[in-house]
């Protein structure tokens, strides 16, 4: 299969180029020339399939023309080694727990799949692959874990100074080995802009063999479609879910739209954001106005210029009317988010993290006007990753910290401080 740029559709490349180079030279994003649809035979048995079997079918639909069947089976089975269970809080009110992987965040699915696919694409080569990633919280930790000490790779993580939680920062900065952390004096949008600038410098990108681990890379998005199908099959047959997605860079929501394109029966999507409401504003008035992000307690969603918006537009043929038919946007304040954390604990004895709390608020608002809906809110990270916020609302020792997170707390942070300056960053890369 070939992949084209959202900016210049005539610019087309093969799978290896799309995944390893990540970003087209025109600053668009790669999309498959043909969006796959799963065979009707799959949808006749999908409720009986395992999580891995779902993943293998989806991966084959996207990559089966270029990757042999056994290689895809190995990649998927090496990725999906943990579950994504559906938890029911009340009638029609469901939570999809995506934090059971090694770094306790939904990004583990994409990062682990991408690391394995890249290893297959570069098999037999002796050039070092440099993985560049900007993170607003969880992406960096998942990528660091997936690529840590993988031969032939080095990982460079850019994160905004003072804008990730303490334990998230340790996941980025305390592994060592082939993982390097850059603490950028700016916002996530600045980090993302620096990463894109490196890819648009084609000489630098080729010389350093750069690839991206952000959701600009299709290899991050495709495995996220697995858990949408896995979630829907956990509902009683015949119920079409409304997915409620805490949204920042909108990769997760784009993956849900790809799942619907594959044939998954979906009633609706709700994009739940904090004060960074660029996409909800677009869905409301039809005008897309990216702007500098603002800091909130749901820091992974602090994105003012979401990259995947252009993919969302592409999936709906650039039509605002078509997009708003399938996607609604809602935005909530920090005060509302904190209140939701307390409410969910009081009503259901369930600890929900600040990102999931934004999603849960949107689910309640949606069902207030659509009472028959079955909402599935994506709980994207373990609440222990936001310990300061959780303990301030629910009291000290309200959470049991998973061991794989607790052991990081005592490790030393190692990071290089850089300004949000393109020339300085490129000079650092070159050196």
Protein backbone atom coordinates (compact mmCIF):
# COMPACT_ATOMS: atom_id res chain seq x y z
CA UNK A 1 0.00 0.00 0.00
CA UNK A 2 1.11 3.58 -0.63
CA UNK A 3 0.69 6.52 1.73
CA UNK A 4 0.04 10.12 0.74
CA UNK A 5 0.47 13.47 2.46
CA UNK A 6 -2.63 15.25 3.72
CA UNK A 7 -1.16 18.46 2.31
CA UNK A 8 0.01 17.17 -1.08
CA UNK A 9 -1.90 14.00 -2.01
CA UNK A 10 0.34 13.48 -5.04
CA UNK A 11 3.30 12.94 -2.67
CA UNK A 12 3.16 9.20 -2.08
CA UNK A 13 5.57 6.80 -0.35
CA UNK A 14 5.74 3.17 0.70
CA UNK A 15 5.17 1.83 4.22
CA UNK A 16 8.82 1.94 5.26
CA UNK A 17 9.19 5.57 4.25
CA UNK A 18 5.91 6.57 5.90
CA UNK A 19 6.78 4.92 9.22
CA UNK A 20 10.50 5.62 9.47
CA UNK A 21 10.45 9.18 8.10
CA UNK A 22 7.12 9.88 9.88
CA UNK A 23 6.46 13.33 8.41
CA UNK A 24 6.14 14.34 4.74
CA UNK A 25 8.41 17.18 3.55
CA UNK A 26 5.37 19.45 3.13
CA UNK A 27 4.53 19.28 6.88
CA UNK A 28 1.37 17.27 6.27
CA UNK A 29 0.70 13.84 7.77
CA UNK A 30 0.69 10.46 6.05
CA UNK A 31 -2.58 8.65 5.36
CA UNK A 32 -3.16 5.32 3.57
CA UNK A 33 -4.16 5.70 -0.07
CA UNK A 34 -7.01 3.28 0.65
CA UNK A 35 -8.72 3.15 4.03
CA UNK A 36 -9.32 -0.51 4.84
CA UNK A 37 -12.63 -2.07 5.80
CA UNK A 38 -12.71 -5.36 7.68
CA UNK A 39 -14.39 -8.24 5.90
CA UNK A 40 -18.03 -8.99 6.85
CA UNK A 41 -16.84 -12.40 8.03
CA UNK A 42 -14.85 -10.65 10.77
CA UNK A 43 -17.93 -8.79 12.03
CA UNK A 44 -19.89 -12.03 12.21
CA UNK A 45 -17.51 -13.41 14.88
CA UNK A 46 -15.87 -10.36 16.43
CA UNK A 47 -17.59 -10.74 19.81
CA UNK A 48 -15.94 -14.15 20.21
CA UNK A 49 -12.40 -13.05 19.29
CA UNK A 50 -9.59 -12.41 21.74
CA UNK A 51 -7.92 -9.01 22.07
CA UNK A 52 -4.88 -10.31 20.15
CA UNK A 53 -7.03 -11.82 17.40
CA UNK A 54 -8.74 -8.46 16.92
CA UNK A 55 -5.34 -6.76 16.74
CA UNK A 56 -4.03 -9.24 14.18
CA UNK A 57 -7.06 -8.71 11.92
CA UNK A 58 -6.73 -4.89 12.13
CA UNK A 59 -2.96 -4.91 11.61
CA UNK A 60 -3.39 -7.16 8.58
CA UNK A 61 -6.01 -4.81 7.12
CA UNK A 62 -3.60 -1.87 7.32
CA UNK A 63 -0.20 -3.48 6.80
CA UNK A 64 -0.83 -6.98 5.40
CA UNK A 65 0.20 -5.98 1.87
CA UNK A 66 3.70 -5.16 3.11
CA UNK A 67 4.34 -7.24 6.24
CA UNK A 68 4.18 -11.07 6.21
CA UNK A 69 1.41 -12.70 8.28
CA UNK A 70 3.69 -14.31 10.86
CA UNK A 71 5.60 -11.07 11.39
CA UNK A 72 2.30 -9.26 12.06
CA UNK A 73 1.23 -11.98 14.49
CA UNK A 74 4.53 -11.64 16.36
CA UNK A 75 4.25 -7.83 16.45
CA UNK A 76 0.68 -7.85 17.76
CA UNK A 77 1.17 -10.64 20.28
CA UNK A 78 4.27 -8.86 21.57
CA UNK A 79 2.21 -5.69 21.95
CA UNK A 80 -1.04 -6.93 23.50
CA UNK A 81 0.30 -8.65 26.60
CA UNK A 82 -2.10 -6.87 28.97
CA UNK A 83 -5.85 -6.25 28.96
CA UNK A 84 -8.03 -3.18 28.51
CA UNK A 85 -11.02 -4.08 30.71
CA UNK A 86 -14.37 -2.34 30.66
CA UNK A 87 -15.59 -1.24 34.12
CA UNK A 88 -19.25 -0.33 34.63
CA UNK A 89 -19.95 2.48 37.10
CA UNK A 90 -23.69 2.67 36.54
CA UNK A 91 -26.35 2.07 33.87
CA UNK A 92 -24.88 3.11 30.53
CA UNK A 93 -21.79 4.56 32.24
CA UNK A 94 -18.66 2.57 31.36
CA UNK A 95 -14.93 3.19 31.82
CA UNK A 96 -12.31 1.62 29.54
CA UNK A 97 -9.14 1.14 31.58
CA UNK A 98 -6.16 1.63 29.29
CA UNK A 99 -3.50 1.83 32.00
CA UNK A 100 -2.57 -1.81 32.56
CA UNK A 101 0.61 -1.70 30.48
CA UNK A 102 4.20 -1.24 31.65
CA UNK A 103 4.04 2.58 31.95
CA UNK A 104 0.41 2.72 33.14
CA UNK A 105 -0.91 4.70 30.17
CA UNK A 106 -2.77 4.05 26.91
CA UNK A 107 0.34 5.06 24.97
CA UNK A 108 1.84 1.64 25.77
CA UNK A 109 -0.26 0.05 23.02
CA UNK A 110 1.04 2.35 20.30
CA UNK A 111 4.64 2.56 21.52
CA UNK A 112 5.10 -1.19 21.85
CA UNK A 113 3.57 -1.89 18.43
CA UNK A 114 5.63 0.85 16.79
CA UNK A 115 8.91 -0.37 18.31
CA UNK A 116 8.27 -3.88 16.98
CA UNK A 117 7.15 -2.72 13.53
CA UNK A 118 10.19 -0.45 13.20
CA UNK A 119 12.47 -3.32 14.24
CA UNK A 120 10.99 -5.43 11.44
CA UNK A 121 11.26 -2.63 8.87
CA UNK A 122 14.94 -2.06 9.72
CA UNK A 123 15.95 -5.73 10.05
CA UNK A 124 19.40 -6.40 8.63
CA UNK A 125 20.42 -2.72 8.67
CA UNK A 126 23.35 -1.43 10.70
CA UNK A 127 22.43 2.28 10.86
CA UNK A 128 21.35 3.62 14.25
CA UNK A 129 17.74 4.83 14.30
CA UNK A 130 17.10 8.04 16.24
CA UNK A 131 13.57 8.23 17.65
CA UNK A 132 12.40 11.79 18.34
CA UNK A 133 9.33 12.32 20.49
CA UNK A 134 7.58 15.30 22.07
CA UNK A 135 5.49 14.56 25.12
CA UNK A 136 2.90 16.33 27.22
CA UNK A 137 3.03 13.55 29.79
CA UNK A 138 2.55 9.89 28.93
CA UNK A 139 3.89 9.48 25.38
CA UNK A 140 7.51 9.91 26.41
CA UNK A 141 7.34 7.35 29.18
CA UNK A 142 5.69 4.75 26.96
CA UNK A 143 8.20 5.30 24.15
CA UNK A 144 11.14 5.21 26.58
CA UNK A 145 9.90 1.90 27.99
CA UNK A 146 9.23 0.38 24.55
CA UNK A 147 12.66 1.30 23.12
CA UNK A 148 14.81 1.12 26.28
CA UNK A 149 18.07 -0.70 25.45
CA UNK A 150 16.72 -1.84 22.07
CA UNK A 151 19.88 -2.36 19.95
CA UNK A 152 20.40 0.08 17.10
CA UNK A 153 18.13 2.80 18.51
CA UNK A 154 18.44 5.92 20.57
CA UNK A 155 15.48 7.89 21.88
CA UNK A 156 15.35 11.66 22.42
CA UNK A 157 12.36 12.89 24.42
CA UNK A 158 11.35 16.57 24.54
CA UNK A 159 9.07 17.60 27.39
CA UNK A 160 7.88 21.01 28.66
CA UNK A 161 9.61 22.19 31.83
CA UNK A 162 7.32 22.15 34.86
CA UNK A 163 4.30 20.88 32.91
CA UNK A 164 4.36 17.12 33.57
CA UNK A 165 3.74 15.38 36.89
CA UNK A 166 6.67 14.32 39.06
CA UNK A 167 6.28 10.61 38.40
CA UNK A 168 5.71 11.19 34.69
CA UNK A 169 8.98 13.13 34.62
CA UNK A 170 10.85 10.27 36.29
CA UNK A 171 9.54 7.90 33.60
CA UNK A 172 11.15 10.18 31.00
CA UNK A 173 14.42 11.00 32.72
CA UNK A 174 15.46 8.12 34.98
CA UNK A 175 15.93 5.16 32.62
CA UNK A 176 19.32 6.10 31.16
CA UNK A 177 20.91 3.85 28.57
CA UNK A 178 19.79 4.85 25.10
CA UNK A 179 17.15 7.29 26.44
CA UNK A 180 17.94 11.03 26.50
CA UNK A 181 15.53 13.61 27.93
CA UNK A 182 15.45 17.27 26.89
CA UNK A 183 13.64 19.62 29.26
CA UNK A 184 12.33 22.41 27.06
CA UNK A 185 11.67 25.89 28.41
CA UNK A 186 8.23 26.18 26.84
CA UNK A 187 4.98 24.35 26.20
CA UNK A 188 4.17 21.00 24.60
CA UNK A 189 3.36 22.89 21.40
CA UNK A 190 6.92 24.23 21.44
CA UNK A 191 8.27 20.69 21.89
CA UNK A 192 6.12 19.45 19.02
CA UNK A 193 7.24 22.31 16.79
CA UNK A 194 10.91 21.52 17.50
CA UNK A 195 10.41 17.87 16.58
CA UNK A 196 8.62 18.79 13.35
CA UNK A 197 11.38 21.28 12.47
CA UNK A 198 13.97 18.50 12.68
CA UNK A 199 11.98 16.30 10.27
CA UNK A 200 11.47 19.16 7.83
CA UNK A 201 15.26 19.62 7.68
CA UNK A 202 15.67 16.72 5.25
CA UNK A 203 19.48 16.74 5.37
CA UNK A 204 19.49 16.52 9.17
CA UNK A 205 16.70 13.94 9.19
CA UNK A 206 18.53 11.69 6.72
CA UNK A 207 21.93 12.11 8.37
CA UNK A 208 20.65 11.20 11.83
CA UNK A 209 18.14 8.62 10.52
CA UNK A 210 15.32 10.33 12.41
CA UNK A 211 11.93 8.81 13.05
CA UNK A 212 9.04 10.03 15.20
CA UNK A 213 7.20 8.23 17.98
CA UNK A 214 4.45 10.81 18.26
CA UNK A 215 0.96 10.19 16.93
CA UNK A 216 2.02 11.93 13.71
CA UNK A 217 3.35 8.41 13.01
CA UNK A 218 0.73 6.01 11.65
CA UNK A 219 2.34 3.13 13.54
CA UNK A 220 1.17 4.78 16.76
CA UNK A 221 -2.44 5.16 15.64
CA UNK A 222 -3.27 1.78 14.14
CA UNK A 223 -2.78 -0.27 17.36
CA UNK A 224 -5.02 2.16 19.23
CA UNK A 225 -7.92 1.03 17.05
CA UNK A 226 -7.56 -2.44 18.62
CA UNK A 227 -9.00 -1.37 21.96
CA UNK A 228 -12.00 0.44 20.48
CA UNK A 229 -13.15 -2.84 18.96
CA UNK A 230 -12.16 -4.74 22.12
CA UNK A 231 -14.17 -2.28 24.24
CA UNK A 232 -17.32 -2.47 22.11
CA UNK A 233 -17.30 -6.30 22.17
CA UNK A 234 -17.48 -6.16 25.97
CA UNK A 235 -20.94 -4.58 25.75
CA UNK A 236 -24.03 -6.73 25.14
CA UNK A 237 -24.54 -7.50 21.46
CA UNK A 238 -26.53 -4.90 19.56
CA UNK A 239 -25.47 -1.91 21.70
CA UNK A 240 -23.61 0.79 19.76
CA UNK A 241 -21.34 2.74 22.12
CA UNK A 242 -20.70 6.44 22.33
CA UNK A 243 -16.96 6.79 22.91
CA UNK A 244 -15.89 9.69 25.11
CA UNK A 245 -12.22 10.51 24.60
CA UNK A 246 -10.11 12.86 26.75
CA UNK A 247 -8.31 14.69 23.96
CA UNK A 248 -5.10 16.66 23.51
CA UNK A 249 -3.26 15.92 20.26
CA UNK A 250 -6.32 13.96 19.02
CA UNK A 251 -4.46 10.81 18.05
CA UNK A 252 -6.70 8.70 20.26
CA UNK A 253 -9.88 10.10 18.74
CA UNK A 254 -8.44 9.66 15.23
CA UNK A 255 -7.81 6.01 16.05
CA UNK A 256 -11.47 5.69 17.04
CA UNK A 257 -12.52 7.16 13.71
CA UNK A 258 -10.29 4.63 11.96
CA UNK A 259 -12.03 1.86 13.93
CA UNK A 260 -15.39 3.16 12.70
CA UNK A 261 -13.98 3.23 9.15
CA UNK A 262 -13.01 -0.43 9.59
CA UNK A 263 -16.71 -1.16 10.20
CA UNK A 264 -17.08 -0.89 14.00
CA UNK A 265 -20.68 0.08 14.87
CA UNK A 266 -20.37 3.39 16.77
CA UNK A 267 -23.18 5.71 17.80
CA UNK A 268 -21.08 8.84 18.35
CA UNK A 269 -17.73 10.26 19.51
CA UNK A 270 -17.32 12.95 22.16
CA UNK A 271 -14.05 14.86 22.32
CA UNK A 272 -13.57 15.95 25.94
CA UNK A 273 -10.99 18.68 26.54
CA UNK A 274 -9.81 20.97 29.29
CA UNK A 275 -9.40 24.71 28.68
CA UNK A 276 -7.48 23.91 25.49
CA UNK A 277 -10.66 23.75 23.44
CA UNK A 278 -9.50 24.38 19.86
CA UNK A 279 -11.34 21.37 18.39
CA UNK A 280 -14.57 21.75 20.42
CA UNK A 281 -14.64 25.36 19.22
CA UNK A 282 -14.23 24.18 15.62
CA UNK A 283 -17.05 21.66 16.04
CA UNK A 284 -19.24 24.42 17.44
CA UNK A 285 -18.59 27.27 14.98
CA UNK A 286 -16.70 25.72 12.05
CA UNK A 287 -13.53 27.77 12.56
CA UNK A 288 -10.19 26.17 13.47
CA UNK A 289 -8.00 28.60 15.42
CA UNK A 290 -4.89 26.99 16.97
CA UNK A 291 -3.38 29.04 19.78
CA UNK A 292 -0.82 28.71 22.57
CA UNK A 293 -1.76 26.03 25.07
CA UNK A 294 -2.56 26.79 28.69
CA UNK A 295 -1.50 24.65 31.66
CA UNK A 296 -4.08 22.55 33.51
CA UNK A 297 -4.13 19.64 35.95
CA UNK A 298 -4.90 17.31 33.01
CA UNK A 299 -1.53 18.12 31.51
CA UNK A 300 -1.43 15.48 28.76
CA UNK A 301 -4.28 17.38 27.09
CA UNK A 302 -2.55 20.77 27.16
CA UNK A 303 -2.25 21.11 23.40
CA UNK A 304 -3.15 24.24 21.46
CA UNK A 305 -2.34 23.02 17.95
CA UNK A 306 -3.32 19.34 17.74
CA UNK A 307 -1.43 17.57 14.94
CA UNK A 308 -4.05 14.97 14.16
CA UNK A 309 -6.75 17.50 13.36
CA UNK A 310 -5.66 17.35 9.70
CA UNK A 311 -6.23 13.58 9.71
CA UNK A 312 -9.68 14.10 11.21
CA UNK A 313 -10.45 16.53 8.41
CA UNK A 314 -9.15 14.08 5.83
CA UNK A 315 -11.37 11.30 7.18
CA UNK A 316 -14.41 13.54 6.69
CA UNK A 317 -13.36 14.93 3.33
CA UNK A 318 -12.80 18.39 4.81
CA UNK A 319 -16.50 18.71 5.65
CA UNK A 320 -17.37 20.43 8.93
CA UNK A 321 -20.95 19.19 8.67
CA UNK A 322 -19.80 15.59 8.28
CA UNK A 323 -17.41 15.80 11.21
CA UNK A 324 -19.87 17.35 13.63
CA UNK A 325 -22.42 14.67 12.68
CA UNK A 326 -20.13 12.05 14.18
CA UNK A 327 -18.10 14.05 16.73
CA UNK A 328 -19.15 16.46 19.47
CA UNK A 329 -16.79 18.55 21.58
CA UNK A 330 -17.01 19.53 25.25
CA UNK A 331 -14.66 21.47 27.49
CA UNK A 332 -14.32 21.63 31.30
CA UNK A 333 -12.37 23.65 33.84
CA UNK A 334 -9.91 22.43 36.46
CA UNK A 335 -12.48 23.14 39.18
CA UNK A 336 -15.03 20.93 37.43
CA UNK A 337 -12.40 18.23 36.95
CA UNK A 338 -11.48 18.21 40.64
CA UNK A 339 -15.14 18.02 41.61
CA UNK A 340 -15.58 15.06 39.25
CA UNK A 341 -12.69 13.18 40.91
CA UNK A 342 -14.42 13.58 44.28
CA UNK A 343 -17.86 12.68 42.88
CA UNK A 344 -16.73 9.49 41.16
CA UNK A 345 -15.01 8.36 44.34
CA UNK A 346 -18.04 9.17 46.51
CA UNK A 347 -20.60 7.56 44.20
CA UNK A 348 -18.71 4.53 42.94
CA UNK A 349 -15.63 4.14 45.15
CA UNK A 350 -13.55 4.49 41.97
CA UNK A 351 -10.41 6.59 41.60
CA UNK A 352 -10.36 8.35 38.24
CA UNK A 353 -7.39 10.39 37.04
CA UNK A 354 -7.70 14.05 35.97
CA UNK A 355 -7.91 13.13 32.26
CA UNK A 356 -10.52 10.44 32.76
CA UNK A 357 -12.42 12.86 34.99
CA UNK A 358 -12.73 15.30 32.08
CA UNK A 359 -14.04 12.43 29.97
CA UNK A 360 -16.49 11.32 32.66
CA UNK A 361 -17.90 14.85 32.89
CA UNK A 362 -18.47 14.84 29.14
CA UNK A 363 -20.15 11.42 29.34
CA UNK A 364 -22.60 12.71 31.98
CA UNK A 365 -23.35 15.78 29.89
CA UNK A 366 -23.90 13.65 26.79
CA UNK A 367 -26.24 11.21 28.51
CA UNK A 368 -28.24 14.08 30.00
CA UNK A 369 -29.54 14.76 26.49
CA UNK A 370 -29.12 11.20 25.15
CA UNK A 371 -30.34 9.08 28.09
CA UNK A 372 -30.40 5.84 26.10
CA UNK A 373 -26.71 6.09 25.20
CA UNK A 374 -24.10 3.67 26.44
CA UNK A 375 -21.00 5.80 26.95
CA UNK A 376 -17.49 4.37 27.15
CA UNK A 377 -15.08 6.87 28.68
CA UNK A 378 -11.42 6.19 27.98
CA UNK A 379 -9.42 6.21 31.22
CA UNK A 380 -6.05 6.92 29.67
CA UNK A 381 -3.65 6.78 32.63
CA UNK A 382 -3.39 5.32 36.12
CA UNK A 383 -4.40 7.92 38.75
CA UNK A 384 -1.17 7.27 40.71
CA UNK A 385 0.72 9.13 37.98
CA UNK A 386 -0.98 12.30 39.28
CA UNK A 387 -0.45 11.67 42.96
CA UNK A 388 -0.36 15.31 44.08
CA UNK A 389 -3.75 16.05 42.51
CA UNK A 390 -5.34 12.82 43.69
CA UNK A 391 -4.17 13.11 47.30
CA UNK A 392 -5.21 16.76 47.46
CA UNK A 393 -8.76 15.72 46.54
CA UNK A 394 -9.09 12.28 48.14
CA UNK A 395 -6.64 12.43 51.02
CA UNK A 396 -3.16 11.11 51.74
CA UNK A 397 -2.52 7.45 50.90
CA UNK A 398 -5.73 7.28 48.87
CA UNK A 399 -3.99 5.24 46.20
CA UNK A 400 -1.78 2.20 46.12
CA UNK A 401 1.12 3.10 43.85
CA UNK A 402 2.04 0.26 41.48
CA UNK A 403 5.54 -1.03 42.13
CA UNK A 404 6.81 -0.27 38.63
CA UNK A 405 5.95 3.37 39.24
CA UNK A 406 7.04 3.55 42.88
CA UNK A 407 10.59 2.38 42.14
CA UNK A 408 11.12 5.35 39.80
CA UNK A 409 10.49 7.87 42.57
CA UNK A 410 13.92 7.20 44.10
CA UNK A 411 15.85 7.38 40.85
CA UNK A 412 17.79 10.45 39.77
CA UNK A 413 16.38 12.77 37.15
CA UNK A 414 18.80 13.25 34.25
CA UNK A 415 17.76 15.83 31.66
CA UNK A 416 19.33 18.53 29.50
CA UNK A 417 17.70 21.96 29.72
CA UNK A 418 17.20 23.73 26.39
CA UNK A 419 15.29 26.83 25.28
CA UNK A 420 12.41 26.47 22.84
CA UNK A 421 14.65 27.61 20.01
CA UNK A 422 14.86 25.78 16.69
CA UNK A 423 18.48 26.72 15.96
CA UNK A 424 19.66 25.68 19.42
CA UNK A 425 17.81 22.38 19.19
CA UNK A 426 19.13 21.56 15.74
CA UNK A 427 22.68 22.42 16.86
CA UNK A 428 22.27 20.10 19.83
CA UNK A 429 21.05 17.31 17.57
CA UNK A 430 23.91 17.83 15.13
CA UNK A 431 26.49 17.67 17.89
